[in-house]
C-alpha atoms as a PDB file:
ATOM      1  CA  MET A   1      -2.306   5.706  18.797  1.00  0.00           C
ATOM      2  CA  LEU A   2      -5.372   4.243  17.138  1.00  0.00           C
ATOM      3  CA  THR A   3      -6.684   1.421  19.310  1.00  0.00           C
ATOM      4  CA  LYS A   4      -6.664  -2.015  17.679  1.00  0.00           C
ATOM      5  CA  THR A   5      -9.437  -4.559  18.154  1.00  0.00           C
ATOM      6  CA  ALA A   6      -8.848  -6.860  21.135  1.00  0.00           C
ATOM      7  CA  VAL A   7      -9.084 -10.517  20.123  1.00  0.00           C
ATOM      8  CA  THR A   8      -8.955 -13.473  22.518  1.00  0.00           C
ATOM      9  CA  GLY A   9      -7.686 -16.976  21.870  1.00  0.00           C
ATOM     10  CA  ASP A  10     -11.217 -18.335  22.077  1.00  0.00           C
ATOM     11  CA  GLN A  11     -12.356 -15.866  19.435  1.00  0.00           C
ATOM     12  CA  VAL A  12      -9.499 -16.894  17.150  1.00  0.00           C
ATOM     13  CA  ALA A  13     -10.448 -20.541  17.611  1.00  0.00           C
ATOM     14  CA  ALA A  14     -14.043 -19.761  16.674  1.00  0.00           C
ATOM     15  CA  VAL A  15     -13.026 -17.816  13.565  1.00  0.00           C
ATOM     16  CA  LEU A  16     -10.644 -20.582  12.496  1.00  0.00           C
ATOM     17  CA  ALA A  17     -13.090 -23.457  13.015  1.00  0.00           C
ATOM     18  CA  PRO A  18     -13.605 -23.845   9.230  1.00  0.00           C
ATOM     19  CA  VAL A  19      -9.815 -23.931   8.733  1.00  0.00           C
ATOM     20  CA  GLY A  20      -8.630 -26.200  11.552  1.00  0.00           C
ATOM     21  CA  ASP A  21      -8.226 -26.733  15.275  1.00  0.00           C
ATOM     22  CA  VAL A  22      -6.132 -24.088  17.041  1.00  0.00           C
ATOM     23  CA  LEU A  23      -3.281 -25.119  19.324  1.00  0.00           C
ATOM     24  CA  ASP A  24      -1.711 -21.749  20.139  1.00  0.00           C
ATOM     25  CA  VAL A  25      -2.017 -18.051  19.318  1.00  0.00           C
ATOM     26  CA  GLU A  26       0.471 -15.205  19.541  1.00  0.00           C
ATOM     27  CA  PRO A  27       0.405 -11.563  18.423  1.00  0.00           C
ATOM     28  CA  LEU A  28       2.556 -10.428  15.501  1.00  0.00           C
ATOM     29  CA  ALA A  29       4.144  -7.021  15.097  1.00  0.00           C
ATOM     30  CA  GLY A  30       3.050  -4.723  12.305  1.00  0.00           C
ATOM     31  CA  GLY A  31      -0.115  -3.056  11.147  1.00  0.00           C
ATOM     32  CA  LEU A  32      -1.256   0.386  12.239  1.00  0.00           C
ATOM     33  CA  PHE A  33      -4.897  -0.382  12.864  1.00  0.00           C
ATOM     34  CA  ALA A  34      -5.332  -4.106  12.202  1.00  0.00           C
ATOM     35  CA  THR A  35      -4.784  -6.747  14.869  1.00  0.00           C
ATOM     36  CA  VAL A  36      -2.412  -9.391  13.474  1.00  0.00           C
ATOM     37  CA  LEU A  37      -1.983 -12.816  15.095  1.00  0.00           C
ATOM     38  CA  ARG A  38      -0.205 -16.064  14.296  1.00  0.00           C
ATOM     39  CA  ALA A  39      -2.056 -19.285  15.062  1.00  0.00           C
ATOM     40  CA  GLY A  40      -0.658 -22.797  15.139  1.00  0.00           C
ATOM     41  CA  LEU A  41      -3.075 -25.491  13.993  1.00  0.00           C
ATOM     42  CA  ALA A  42      -3.316 -29.130  15.046  1.00  0.00           C
ATOM     43  CA  ASP A  43      -2.358 -30.299  11.551  1.00  0.00           C
ATOM     44  CA  GLY A  44       0.974 -28.468  11.809  1.00  0.00           C
ATOM     45  CA  ARG A  45       0.100 -25.441   9.725  1.00  0.00           C
ATOM     46  CA  GLN A  46       0.842 -21.876  10.795  1.00  0.00           C
ATOM     47  CA  VAL A  47      -1.666 -19.227   9.750  1.00  0.00           C
ATOM     48  CA  VAL A  48      -1.972 -15.461  10.049  1.00  0.00           C
ATOM     49  CA  VAL A  49      -5.213 -13.927  11.314  1.00  0.00           C
ATOM     50  CA  LYS A  50      -5.733 -10.241  10.537  1.00  0.00           C
ATOM     51  CA  VAL A  51      -8.684  -8.425  12.105  1.00  0.00           C
ATOM     52  CA  THR A  52      -9.656  -4.975  10.866  1.00  0.00           C
ATOM     53  CA  GLY A  53     -11.915  -3.341  13.459  1.00  0.00           C
ATOM     54  CA  ALA A  54     -15.551  -2.584  12.724  1.00  0.00           C
ATOM     55  CA  ASP A  55     -15.191   1.022  13.941  1.00  0.00           C
ATOM     56  CA  THR A  56     -14.521   3.143  10.849  1.00  0.00           C
ATOM     57  CA  THR A  57     -14.842   6.562  12.494  1.00  0.00           C
ATOM     58  CA  ARG A  58     -11.086   7.140  12.535  1.00  0.00           C
ATOM     59  CA  LEU A  59     -10.318   5.872   9.049  1.00  0.00           C
ATOM     60  CA  LEU A  60      -9.469   8.003   6.061  1.00  0.00           C
ATOM     61  CA  ARG A  61     -11.876   7.707   3.149  1.00  0.00           C
ATOM     62  CA  TYR A  62      -9.657   5.465   1.034  1.00  0.00           C
ATOM     63  CA  GLU A  63      -9.233   3.037   3.967  1.00  0.00           C
ATOM     64  CA  HIS A  64     -12.881   2.018   4.092  1.00  0.00           C
ATOM     65  CA  GLY A  65     -13.331  -1.591   3.021  1.00  0.00           C
ATOM     66  CA  ILE A  66      -9.618  -2.360   2.787  1.00  0.00           C
ATOM     67  CA  SER A  67      -9.930  -5.773   4.445  1.00  0.00           C
ATOM     68  CA  GLY A  68     -11.836  -7.074   1.449  1.00  0.00           C
ATOM     69  CA  THR A  69      -9.348  -5.426  -0.880  1.00  0.00           C
ATOM     70  CA  GLU A  70      -6.462  -7.312   0.700  1.00  0.00           C
ATOM     71  CA  ALA A  71      -8.149 -10.687   0.313  1.00  0.00           C
ATOM     72  CA  ALA A  72      -9.074  -9.970  -3.306  1.00  0.00           C
ATOM     73  CA  VAL A  73      -5.558  -8.804  -4.195  1.00  0.00           C
ATOM     74  CA  TYR A  74      -3.929 -11.823  -2.584  1.00  0.00           C
ATOM     75  CA  ARG A  75      -6.180 -14.116  -4.584  1.00  0.00           C
ATOM     76  CA  LEU A  76      -5.466 -12.351  -7.855  1.00  0.00           C
ATOM     77  CA  ALA A  77      -1.716 -12.254  -7.220  1.00  0.00           C
ATOM     78  CA  HIS A  78      -1.630 -15.876  -6.047  1.00  0.00           C
ATOM     79  CA  ARG A  79      -3.365 -17.048  -9.225  1.00  0.00           C
ATOM     80  CA  ALA A  80      -0.762 -15.113 -11.232  1.00  0.00           C
ATOM     81  CA  GLY A  81       2.042 -16.982  -9.463  1.00  0.00           C
ATOM     82  CA  LEU A  82       3.255 -13.998  -7.479  1.00  0.00           C
ATOM     83  CA  PRO A  83       4.840 -14.435  -4.026  1.00  0.00           C
ATOM     84  CA  VAL A  84       1.931 -13.693  -1.692  1.00  0.00           C
ATOM     85  CA  PRO A  85       0.290 -15.742   1.058  1.00  0.00           C
ATOM     86  CA  ALA A  86      -2.665 -17.895   0.058  1.00  0.00           C
ATOM     87  CA  VAL A  87      -6.039 -16.805   1.453  1.00  0.00           C
ATOM     88  CA  LEU A  88      -7.508 -19.590   3.582  1.00  0.00           C
ATOM     89  CA  HIS A  89     -10.630 -17.955   4.996  1.00  0.00           C
ATOM     90  CA  VAL A  90     -12.502 -14.642   5.057  1.00  0.00           C
ATOM     91  CA  ASP A  91     -15.092 -13.796   7.717  1.00  0.00           C
ATOM     92  CA  GLY A  92     -17.045 -10.579   7.506  1.00  0.00           C
ATOM     93  CA  SER A  93     -19.934 -11.801   9.632  1.00  0.00           C
ATOM     94  CA  ARG A  94     -18.597 -10.215  12.858  1.00  0.00           C
ATOM     95  CA  GLU A  95     -20.175 -13.126  14.677  1.00  0.00           C
ATOM     96  CA  HIS A  96     -17.001 -13.968  16.584  1.00  0.00           C
ATOM     97  CA  VAL A  97     -14.978 -10.729  16.600  1.00  0.00           C
ATOM     98  CA  ASP A  98     -15.810  -7.050  16.248  1.00  0.00           C
ATOM     99  CA  GLY A  99     -14.314  -6.682  12.812  1.00  0.00           C
ATOM    100  CA  ASP A 100     -13.547  -8.221   9.441  1.00  0.00           C
ATOM    101  CA  VAL A 101     -11.146 -11.162   9.333  1.00  0.00           C
ATOM    102  CA  VAL A 102      -8.737 -12.377   6.668  1.00  0.00           C
ATOM    103  CA  VAL A 103      -6.856 -15.632   7.336  1.00  0.00           C
ATOM    104  CA  THR A 104      -3.793 -16.479   5.246  1.00  0.00           C
ATOM    105  CA  GLU A 105      -0.985 -18.980   5.299  1.00  0.00           C
ATOM    106  CA  HIS A 106       2.032 -17.950   7.364  1.00  0.00           C
ATOM    107  CA  LEU A 107       5.041 -17.631   5.061  1.00  0.00           C
ATOM    108  CA  PRO A 108       8.625 -18.028   6.274  1.00  0.00           C
ATOM    109  CA  GLY A 109      11.046 -15.145   6.047  1.00  0.00           C
ATOM    110  CA  VAL A 110      12.252 -11.988   7.739  1.00  0.00           C
ATOM    111  CA  LEU A 111      10.977  -8.486   7.061  1.00  0.00           C
ATOM    112  CA  TRP A 112      13.409  -6.548   4.910  1.00  0.00           C
ATOM    113  CA  ASP A 113      13.372  -3.508   7.187  1.00  0.00           C
ATOM    114  CA  GLY A 114      14.658  -5.677  10.039  1.00  0.00           C
ATOM    115  CA  LEU A 115      17.838  -6.653   8.198  1.00  0.00           C
ATOM    116  CA  ASP A 116      21.077  -4.728   7.792  1.00  0.00           C
ATOM    117  CA  LEU A 117      22.015  -5.654   4.232  1.00  0.00           C
ATOM    118  CA  ALA A 118      25.283  -5.031   2.429  1.00  0.00           C
ATOM    119  CA  PRO A 119      24.898  -2.538  -0.450  1.00  0.00           C
ATOM    120  CA  ALA A 120      25.178  -5.264  -3.092  1.00  0.00           C
ATOM    121  CA  ASP A 121      22.513  -7.376  -1.384  1.00  0.00           C
ATOM    122  CA  SER A 122      20.232  -4.366  -1.033  1.00  0.00           C
ATOM    123  CA  ARG A 123      20.566  -3.586  -4.747  1.00  0.00           C
ATOM    124  CA  GLN A 124      19.682  -7.162  -5.617  1.00  0.00           C
ATOM    125  CA  VAL A 125      16.584  -7.085  -3.433  1.00  0.00           C
ATOM    126  CA  ARG A 126      15.466  -3.831  -5.053  1.00  0.00           C
ATOM    127  CA  ARG A 127      16.044  -5.318  -8.487  1.00  0.00           C
ATOM    128  CA  SER A 128      13.978  -8.358  -7.525  1.00  0.00           C
ATOM    129  CA  LEU A 129      11.239  -6.088  -6.191  1.00  0.00           C
ATOM    130  CA  GLY A 130      11.162  -4.219  -9.497  1.00  0.00           C
ATOM    131  CA  ALA A 131      10.582  -7.478 -11.334  1.00  0.00           C
ATOM    132  CA  VAL A 132       7.775  -8.416  -8.935  1.00  0.00           C
ATOM    133  CA  MET A 133       6.170  -5.023  -9.505  1.00  0.00           C
ATOM    134  CA  ALA A 134       6.185  -5.519 -13.272  1.00  0.00           C
ATOM    135  CA  ARG A 135       4.546  -8.925 -12.922  1.00  0.00           C
ATOM    136  CA  LEU A 136       1.921  -7.504 -10.560  1.00  0.00           C
ATOM    137  CA  HIS A 137       1.113  -4.740 -13.024  1.00  0.00           C
ATOM    138  CA  GLY A 138       0.362  -7.371 -15.648  1.00  0.00           C
ATOM    139  CA  ILE A 139      -2.923  -7.974 -13.797  1.00  0.00           C
ATOM    140  CA  THR A 140      -5.589  -5.706 -15.274  1.00  0.00           C
ATOM    141  CA  GLY A 141      -9.079  -4.670 -14.234  1.00  0.00           C
ATOM    142  CA  ASP A 142     -12.073  -2.816 -15.656  1.00  0.00           C
ATOM    143  CA  ARG A 143     -12.307   0.176 -13.269  1.00  0.00           C
ATOM    144  CA  PHE A 144      -9.815   2.648 -11.818  1.00  0.00           C
ATOM    145  CA  GLY A 145      -9.259   3.678  -8.214  1.00  0.00           C
ATOM    146  CA  TYR A 146      -9.770   1.929  -4.888  1.00  0.00           C
ATOM    147  CA  PRO A 147     -11.907  -1.177  -5.442  1.00  0.00           C
ATOM    148  CA  ALA A 148     -13.774  -1.385  -2.116  1.00  0.00           C
ATOM    149  CA  PRO A 149     -17.362  -0.137  -2.600  1.00  0.00           C
ATOM    150  CA  ALA A 150     -17.253   1.385   0.893  1.00  0.00           C
ATOM    151  CA  SER A 151     -14.610   3.888  -0.219  1.00  0.00           C
ATOM    152  CA  GLY A 152     -16.705   5.198  -3.101  1.00  0.00           C
ATOM    153  CA  LEU A 153     -13.487   5.837  -5.016  1.00  0.00           C
ATOM    154  CA  SER A 154     -13.864   3.676  -8.120  1.00  0.00           C
ATOM    155  CA  ARG A 155     -14.283   5.402 -11.495  1.00  0.00           C
ATOM    156  CA  ALA A 156     -14.361   4.625 -15.212  1.00  0.00           C
ATOM    157  CA  THR A 157     -11.178   6.582 -16.070  1.00  0.00           C
ATOM    158  CA  TRP A 158      -7.913   7.305 -14.299  1.00  0.00           C
ATOM    159  CA  PRO A 159      -8.315  11.121 -14.360  1.00  0.00           C
ATOM    160  CA  GLU A 160     -11.738  10.724 -12.721  1.00  0.00           C
ATOM    161  CA  ALA A 161     -10.435   8.237 -10.164  1.00  0.00           C
ATOM    162  CA  PHE A 162      -7.328  10.178  -9.214  1.00  0.00           C
ATOM    163  CA  THR A 163      -9.273  13.439  -8.936  1.00  0.00           C
ATOM    164  CA  ALA A 164     -11.752  11.693  -6.628  1.00  0.00           C
ATOM    165  CA  MET A 165      -8.881  10.313  -4.542  1.00  0.00           C
ATOM    166  CA  VAL A 166      -7.411  13.785  -4.122  1.00  0.00           C
ATOM    167  CA  GLU A 167     -10.796  15.279  -3.224  1.00  0.00           C
ATOM    168  CA  ALA A 168     -11.308  12.531  -0.626  1.00  0.00           C
ATOM    169  CA  ALA A 169      -7.921  13.323   0.932  1.00  0.00           C
ATOM    170  CA  LEU A 170      -8.781  17.024   1.073  1.00  0.00           C
ATOM    171  CA  ALA A 171     -12.163  16.245   2.620  1.00  0.00           C
ATOM    172  CA  ASP A 172     -10.402  14.116   5.254  1.00  0.00           C
ATOM    173  CA  ALA A 173      -8.090  17.048   5.952  1.00  0.00           C
ATOM    174  CA  GLU A 174     -11.080  19.320   6.544  1.00  0.00           C
ATOM    175  CA  ARG A 175     -12.750  16.732   8.761  1.00  0.00           C
ATOM    176  CA  TRP A 176      -9.664  16.402  10.944  1.00  0.00           C
ATOM    177  CA  GLU A 177      -8.838  20.142  10.732  1.00  0.00           C
ATOM    178  CA  VAL A 178      -5.481  19.575   9.065  1.00  0.00           C
ATOM    179  CA  PRO A 179      -4.419  22.578   6.955  1.00  0.00           C
ATOM    180  CA  LEU A 180      -3.395  21.711   3.404  1.00  0.00           C
ATOM    181  CA  PRO A 181      -2.847  23.782   0.218  1.00  0.00           C
ATOM    182  CA  HIS A 182      -6.233  22.791  -1.225  1.00  0.00           C
ATOM    183  CA  ALA A 183      -6.293  25.306  -4.080  1.00  0.00           C
ATOM    184  CA  ARG A 184      -2.751  24.558  -5.277  1.00  0.00           C
ATOM    185  CA  LEU A 185      -3.293  20.806  -5.272  1.00  0.00           C
ATOM    186  CA  ARG A 186      -6.646  21.044  -7.073  1.00  0.00           C
ATOM    187  CA  ALA A 187      -5.091  23.343  -9.668  1.00  0.00           C
ATOM    188  CA  ALA A 188      -2.179  20.967 -10.225  1.00  0.00           C
ATOM    189  CA  VAL A 189      -4.479  17.994 -10.755  1.00  0.00           C
ATOM    190  CA  GLY A 190      -7.007  19.908 -12.846  1.00  0.00           C
ATOM    191  CA  ALA A 191      -4.359  21.227 -15.221  1.00  0.00           C
ATOM    192  CA  ARG A 192      -2.998  17.748 -15.932  1.00  0.00           C
ATOM    193  CA  GLN A 193      -6.071  15.725 -16.761  1.00  0.00           C
ATOM    194  CA  ASP A 194      -4.673  15.010 -20.225  1.00  0.00           C
ATOM    195  CA  VAL A 195      -1.453  13.614 -18.738  1.00  0.00           C
ATOM    196  CA  LEU A 196      -3.445  11.375 -16.410  1.00  0.00           C
ATOM    197  CA  ALA A 197      -5.649  10.283 -19.325  1.00  0.00           C
ATOM    198  CA  ALA A 198      -2.624   8.627 -20.943  1.00  0.00           C
ATOM    199  CA  VAL A 199      -3.180   5.825 -18.400  1.00  0.00           C
ATOM    200  CA  ALA A 200      -5.815   3.879 -20.299  1.00  0.00           C
ATOM    201  CA  THR A 201      -5.657   0.425 -18.643  1.00  0.00           C
ATOM    202  CA  PRO A 202      -6.399  -0.173 -14.942  1.00  0.00           C
ATOM    203  CA  ARG A 203      -3.444  -2.155 -13.589  1.00  0.00           C
ATOM    204  CA  LEU A 204      -3.142  -3.665 -10.128  1.00  0.00           C
ATOM    205  CA  VAL A 205      -0.972  -1.443  -7.922  1.00  0.00           C
ATOM    206  CA  HIS A 206      -0.049  -2.608  -4.412  1.00  0.00           C
ATOM    207  CA  ALA A 207       0.802   0.973  -3.343  1.00  0.00           C
ATOM    208  CA  ASP A 208       2.641  -0.043  -0.135  1.00  0.00           C
ATOM    209  CA  LEU A 209       5.720  -2.037  -1.189  1.00  0.00           C
ATOM    210  CA  TRP A 210       8.147  -0.517   1.317  1.00  0.00           C
ATOM    211  CA  PRO A 211      10.670  -2.754   3.147  1.00  0.00           C
ATOM    212  CA  GLY A 212       8.300  -3.304   6.080  1.00  0.00           C
ATOM    213  CA  ASN A 213       6.001  -5.275   3.772  1.00  0.00           C
ATOM    214  CA  ILE A 214       8.635  -7.414   2.038  1.00  0.00           C
ATOM    215  CA  LEU A 215       9.753 -10.827   3.332  1.00  0.00           C
ATOM    216  CA  LEU A 216      13.274 -12.057   2.573  1.00  0.00           C
ATOM    217  CA  ASP A 217      15.000 -15.381   3.064  1.00  0.00           C
ATOM    218  CA  PRO A 218      17.335 -14.737   6.033  1.00  0.00           C
ATOM    219  CA  ALA A 219      20.064 -16.934   4.499  1.00  0.00           C
ATOM    220  CA  ASP A 220      20.421 -15.625   0.952  1.00  0.00           C
ATOM    221  CA  HIS A 221      18.206 -12.486   1.171  1.00  0.00           C
ATOM    222  CA  ARG A 222      16.040 -13.697  -1.696  1.00  0.00           C
ATOM    223  CA  LEU A 223      12.640 -11.977  -1.884  1.00  0.00           C
ATOM    224  CA  THR A 224      10.112 -14.572  -0.738  1.00  0.00           C
ATOM    225  CA  ALA A 225       6.848 -12.624  -0.417  1.00  0.00           C
ATOM    226  CA  PHE A 226       5.124  -9.273  -0.264  1.00  0.00           C
ATOM    227  CA  LEU A 227       2.413  -8.578   2.289  1.00  0.00           C
ATOM    228  CA  ASP A 228      -0.230  -6.053   3.430  1.00  0.00           C
ATOM    229  CA  ALA A 229      -2.160  -5.398   0.239  1.00  0.00           C
ATOM    230  CA  GLU A 230      -4.998  -3.422   1.860  1.00  0.00           C
ATOM    231  CA  ARG A 231      -4.175  -0.141   0.109  1.00  0.00           C
ATOM    232  CA  ALA A 232      -4.057  -1.642  -3.372  1.00  0.00           C
ATOM    233  CA  MET A 233      -5.810   0.099  -6.247  1.00  0.00           C
ATOM    234  CA  TRP A 234      -6.397  -0.149  -9.957  1.00  0.00           C
ATOM    235  CA  GLY A 235      -4.388   2.573 -11.614  1.00  0.00           C
ATOM    236  CA  ASP A 236      -1.081   3.774 -12.992  1.00  0.00           C
ATOM    237  CA  PRO A 237       1.956   1.501 -12.380  1.00  0.00           C
ATOM    238  CA  VAL A 238       4.055   4.645 -11.765  1.00  0.00           C
ATOM    239  CA  PHE A 239       2.120   5.086  -8.501  1.00  0.00           C
ATOM    240  CA  GLU A 240       3.853   1.947  -7.192  1.00  0.00           C
ATOM    241  CA  LEU A 241       7.087   3.892  -6.815  1.00  0.00           C
ATOM    242  CA  VAL A 242       5.471   6.205  -4.273  1.00  0.00           C
ATOM    243  CA  GLY A 243       4.423   3.374  -1.980  1.00  0.00           C
ATOM    244  CA  ALA A 244       7.900   1.870  -2.212  1.00  0.00           C
ATOM    245  CA  ASP A 245       9.618   5.131  -1.182  1.00  0.00           C
ATOM    246  CA  GLN A 246       6.997   7.027   0.763  1.00  0.00           C
ATOM    247  CA  LEU A 247       9.050  10.109   1.617  1.00  0.00           C
ATOM    248  CA  GLY A 248      10.975  10.165  -1.666  1.00  0.00           C
ATOM    249  CA  VAL A 249      10.953  13.308  -3.804  1.00  0.00           C
ATOM    250  CA  GLY A 250      13.922  13.076  -6.173  1.00  0.00           C
ATOM    251  CA  ALA A 251      15.518  10.261  -8.118  1.00  0.00           C
ATOM    252  CA  VAL A 252      13.943   6.825  -8.395  1.00  0.00           C
ATOM    253  CA  ASP A 253      16.085   3.853  -7.453  1.00  0.00           C
ATOM    254  CA  PRO A 254      17.858   2.604 -10.621  1.00  0.00           C
ATOM    255  CA  ALA A 255      18.038  -0.999  -9.389  1.00  0.00           C
ATOM    256  CA  LEU A 256      14.262  -1.048  -8.984  1.00  0.00           C
ATOM    257  CA  LEU A 257      13.774   0.281 -12.507  1.00  0.00           C
ATOM    258  CA  ALA A 258      16.316  -2.187 -13.897  1.00  0.00           C
ATOM    259  CA  GLY A 259      14.418  -5.068 -12.305  1.00  0.00           C
ATOM    260  CA  TYR A 260      11.188  -3.737 -13.775  1.00  0.00           C
ATOM    261  CA  ARG A 261      12.786  -3.749 -17.231  1.00  0.00           C
ATOM    262  CA  ASP A 262      14.190  -7.243 -16.617  1.00  0.00           C
ATOM    263  CA  ALA A 263      10.585  -8.432 -16.341  1.00  0.00           C
ATOM    264  CA  GLY A 264       9.602  -6.729 -19.585  1.00  0.00           C
ATOM    265  CA  GLY A 265       8.129  -3.504 -18.202  1.00  0.00           C
ATOM    266  CA  ASP A 266       8.994   0.172 -18.591  1.00  0.00           C
ATOM    267  CA  LEU A 267       7.739   2.923 -16.300  1.00  0.00           C
ATOM    268  CA  GLY A 268       8.988   5.673 -18.592  1.00  0.00           C
ATOM    269  CA  LEU A 269      11.437   7.167 -16.067  1.00  0.00           C
ATOM    270  CA  GLY A 270      14.685   6.280 -17.833  1.00  0.00           C
ATOM    271  CA  ASP A 271      17.461   5.508 -15.355  1.00  0.00           C
ATOM    272  CA  GLY A 272      15.541   7.182 -12.533  1.00  0.00           C
ATOM    273  CA  THR A 273      17.323  10.521 -12.763  1.00  0.00           C
ATOM    274  CA  PRO A 274      14.784  13.377 -12.746  1.00  0.00           C
ATOM    275  CA  GLY A 275      14.350  14.534 -16.322  1.00  0.00           C
ATOM    276  CA  ALA A 276      15.332  11.217 -17.882  1.00  0.00           C
ATOM    277  CA  GLY A 277      12.769   9.344 -19.897  1.00  0.00           C
ATOM    278  CA  ASP A 278       9.219  10.556 -20.518  1.00  0.00           C
ATOM    279  CA  PRO A 279       8.382  13.991 -19.021  1.00  0.00           C
ATOM    280  CA  ALA A 280       4.731  12.947 -18.707  1.00  0.00           C
ATOM    281  CA  ALA A 281       5.692   9.989 -16.489  1.00  0.00           C
ATOM    282  CA  TRP A 282       7.623  12.324 -14.183  1.00  0.00           C
ATOM    283  CA  THR A 283       4.647  14.693 -14.069  1.00  0.00           C
ATOM    284  CA  ARG A 284       2.374  11.854 -12.992  1.00  0.00           C
ATOM    285  CA  LEU A 285       4.907  10.717 -10.385  1.00  0.00           C
ATOM    286  CA  ARG A 286       4.975  14.231  -8.904  1.00  0.00           C
ATOM    287  CA  LEU A 287       1.176  14.286  -8.741  1.00  0.00           C
ATOM    288  CA  TYR A 288       1.130  10.933  -6.936  1.00  0.00           C
ATOM    289  CA  ARG A 289       3.863  12.005  -4.527  1.00  0.00           C
ATOM    290  CA  ALA A 290       1.864  15.137  -3.711  1.00  0.00           C
ATOM    291  CA  TYR A 291      -1.283  13.097  -3.069  1.00  0.00           C
ATOM    292  CA  PHE A 292       0.560  10.595  -0.901  1.00  0.00           C
ATOM    293  CA  ALA A 293       2.175  13.382   1.116  1.00  0.00           C
ATOM    294  CA  CYS A 294      -1.343  14.639   1.891  1.00  0.00           C
ATOM    295  CA  LEU A 295      -2.295  11.211   3.233  1.00  0.00           C
ATOM    296  CA  LEU A 296       0.810  11.077   5.422  1.00  0.00           C
ATOM    297  CA  VAL A 297       0.093  14.500   6.897  1.00  0.00           C
ATOM    298  CA  VAL A 298      -3.615  13.912   7.495  1.00  0.00           C
ATOM    299  CA  GLU A 299      -3.397  10.418   9.008  1.00  0.00           C
ATOM    300  CA  ILE A 300      -1.308  11.719  11.908  1.00  0.00           C
ATOM    301  CA  VAL A 301      -4.441  13.120  13.549  1.00  0.00           C
ATOM    302  CA  PRO A 302      -6.949  10.233  13.402  1.00  0.00           C
ATOM    303  CA  ARG A 303      -4.213   7.728  14.210  1.00  0.00           C
ATOM    304  CA  ALA A 304      -3.059   9.917  17.115  1.00  0.00           C
ATOM    305  CA  TYR A 305       0.634   9.479  16.401  1.00  0.00           C
ATOM    306  CA  ALA A 306       2.774  10.420  19.382  1.00  0.00           C
ATOM    307  CA  GLY A 307       6.486  10.704  20.088  1.00  0.00           C
ATOM    308  CA  ASP A 308       9.472  12.883  19.353  1.00  0.00           C
ATOM    309  CA  TRP A 309       9.553  11.702  15.747  1.00  0.00           C
ATOM    310  CA  VAL A 310       6.114  13.029  14.783  1.00  0.00           C
ATOM    311  CA  GLU A 311       7.009  16.694  14.341  1.00  0.00           C
ATOM    312  CA  GLY A 312       9.919  15.928  12.017  1.00  0.00           C
ATOM    313  CA  TYR A 313       7.903  13.355  10.096  1.00  0.00           C
ATOM    314  CA  ALA A 314       5.052  15.809   9.536  1.00  0.00           C
ATOM    315  CA  ALA A 315       7.468  18.558   8.502  1.00  0.00           C
ATOM    316  CA  THR A 316       9.124  16.263   5.968  1.00  0.00           C
ATOM    317  CA  ALA A 317       5.805  15.208   4.457  1.00  0.00           C
ATOM    318  CA  ARG A 318       4.615  18.828   4.258  1.00  0.00           C
ATOM    319  CA  GLY A 319       7.918  19.876   2.708  1.00  0.00           C
ATOM    320  CA  ASN A 320       7.576  17.100   0.135  1.00  0.00           C
ATOM    321  CA  LEU A 321       4.077  18.258  -0.741  1.00  0.00           C
ATOM    322  CA  GLU A 322       5.202  21.844  -1.250  1.00  0.00           C
ATOM    323  CA  ARG A 323       8.202  20.725  -3.316  1.00  0.00           C
ATOM    324  CA  MET A 324       6.037  18.624  -5.620  1.00  0.00           C
ATOM    325  CA  LEU A 325       3.573  21.467  -6.112  1.00  0.00           C
ATOM    326  CA  ASP A 326       6.456  23.866  -6.840  1.00  0.00           C
ATOM    327  CA  GLU A 327       7.920  21.458  -9.394  1.00  0.00           C
ATOM    328  CA  LEU A 328       4.519  20.955 -11.022  1.00  0.00           C
ATOM    329  CA  ALA A 329       4.077  24.730 -11.252  1.00  0.00           C
ATOM    330  CA  ALA A 330       7.506  25.289 -12.831  1.00  0.00           C
ATOM    331  CA  PRO A 331       7.516  26.130 -16.561  1.00  0.00           C
END
């Protein structure tokens, strides 16, 4: 696995000096390449310290600069009244640790993927998540794509941005010697520039709202926060559905879509049954699923995934990519 940055208690205390005096530090689970710690402060507050290592040699192109993206997204979402942790401090000086640091408040709750919910409770959480998505997508920007300058993936239009994102993924595949259907994917994207051009307003997309990034109240299972906004982008709200169901290829969860409509939004996918709603929205969803499948396949190599699960995971992602390309090629 990709090695995370080692951080000592003394280093945490130095980083947190502008925030408060540190009493104790403990590691938190989660994060594939960031080091995440909880620190207790003398004034009684609990904070989260996330350190993204300075070594970028094993990152995919879109991951460059994501520490700054997370802080910016949290601030935007917090100002909009969305359930995210407040940003308390950002340190990109690398004076105290070998990496970029984002410090946020520690919010109470339990990660959704750690709970075994009854079907009715699960539907309610998904409906609540849909409403949160719609509110998030009310935040607009002036450029499309990944916002971090280090990624080089910000463009004036969505077709330009998405094409650049796909090309970056294919370049990463070549760098890491991961075979992908380059020609088929380029053809699929190139033939649908007009469909992508229908997305005229850059909207804030979290792009990673799966249950491992959602906090729930352990008592009533109310959604209390969403986390890990590093992969956020300015783009098409339909892309959000890919991050929420990262190996999904068929129907979209109807409870999620109902919650989105509850908050005044409409993703154009009807009740979530393939073919319902706007055909152009389904075409865009297939394009985004194909792109995301590429990321899942490629990241296995630089992150050095290991274990019995890897082969099946890779096969599923590759199968999803081929299925999306087949569906896009169908008359």
